[in-house]
């Protein structure tokens, strides 16, 4: 099995999923006063920018074409 076509398929799948599945970001905010520590954790779910998905899909297509062309 050749590596480049497999990498191309993987990039295509990741590119397609980047349009659908959100990525979560966690932030911890804290204040220490003496021996007391107050913390607050926030979580945001955002989708990746569309340019990331386009680049992943383009890289997948390119590696598929190059990988299958070497035969």
Protein backbone atom coordinates (compact mmCIF):
# COMPACT_ATOMS: atom_id res chain seq x y z
CA UNK A 1 0.00 0.00 0.00
CA UNK A 2 1.37 3.39 -0.95
CA UNK A 3 1.62 6.11 1.65
CA UNK A 4 0.80 9.17 -0.48
CA UNK A 5 -2.71 8.07 -1.58
CA UNK A 6 -3.57 7.08 1.99
CA UNK A 7 -2.39 10.49 3.19
CA UNK A 8 -4.54 12.10 0.47
CA UNK A 9 -7.66 10.25 1.61
CA UNK A 10 -6.93 11.17 5.22
CA UNK A 11 -6.55 14.85 4.30
CA UNK A 12 -9.80 14.76 2.32
CA UNK A 13 -11.67 13.30 5.29
CA UNK A 14 -10.18 15.82 7.72
CA UNK A 15 -10.97 18.68 5.33
CA UNK A 16 -14.60 17.61 5.02
CA UNK A 17 -14.94 17.19 8.79
CA UNK A 18 -13.48 20.65 9.44
CA UNK A 19 -16.62 22.18 7.89
CA UNK A 20 -18.94 20.20 10.19
CA UNK A 21 -17.37 19.41 13.57
CA UNK A 22 -16.65 22.29 15.98
CA UNK A 23 -13.43 22.45 17.99
CA UNK A 24 -13.69 23.27 21.69
CA UNK A 25 -11.42 25.78 23.41
CA UNK A 26 -11.07 25.94 27.18
CA UNK A 27 -9.81 28.91 29.12
CA UNK A 28 -9.06 29.10 32.82
CA UNK A 29 -9.41 32.43 34.59
CA UNK A 30 -8.23 32.67 38.16
CA UNK A 31 -7.55 35.11 40.95
CA UNK A 32 -5.54 34.37 44.08
CA UNK A 33 -6.19 36.41 47.20
CA UNK A 34 -4.08 35.23 50.09
CA UNK A 35 -4.78 31.53 50.62
CA UNK A 36 -8.00 31.67 48.59
CA UNK A 37 -8.03 30.96 44.90
CA UNK A 38 -11.08 31.61 42.73
CA UNK A 39 -11.15 30.07 39.26
CA UNK A 40 -13.58 30.13 36.39
CA UNK A 41 -13.38 27.81 33.41
CA UNK A 42 -15.04 28.77 30.14
CA UNK A 43 -15.49 26.57 27.08
CA UNK A 44 -16.18 27.81 23.56
CA UNK A 45 -17.04 25.66 20.56
CA UNK A 46 -16.09 27.14 17.22
CA UNK A 47 -15.75 25.76 13.72
CA UNK A 48 -12.45 26.17 11.94
CA UNK A 49 -12.20 28.88 9.30
CA UNK A 50 -13.30 27.70 5.83
CA UNK A 51 -9.81 28.36 4.47
CA UNK A 52 -8.44 25.54 6.64
CA UNK A 53 -10.92 23.07 5.15
CA UNK A 54 -10.14 24.22 1.61
CA UNK A 55 -6.39 23.85 2.20
CA UNK A 56 -6.83 20.36 3.66
CA UNK A 57 -9.03 19.24 0.77
CA UNK A 58 -6.64 20.77 -1.77
CA UNK A 59 -3.69 19.00 -0.16
CA UNK A 60 -5.62 15.74 -0.18
CA UNK A 61 -6.44 16.03 -3.86
CA UNK A 62 -2.87 16.98 -4.71
CA UNK A 63 -1.36 14.06 -2.79
CA UNK A 64 -3.88 11.66 -4.35
CA UNK A 65 -3.01 12.85 -7.85
CA UNK A 66 0.75 12.68 -7.23
CA UNK A 67 0.50 9.35 -5.44
CA UNK A 68 -1.57 7.68 -8.13
CA UNK A 69 0.46 9.25 -10.93
CA UNK A 70 3.70 7.53 -9.88
CA UNK A 71 2.35 4.11 -10.98
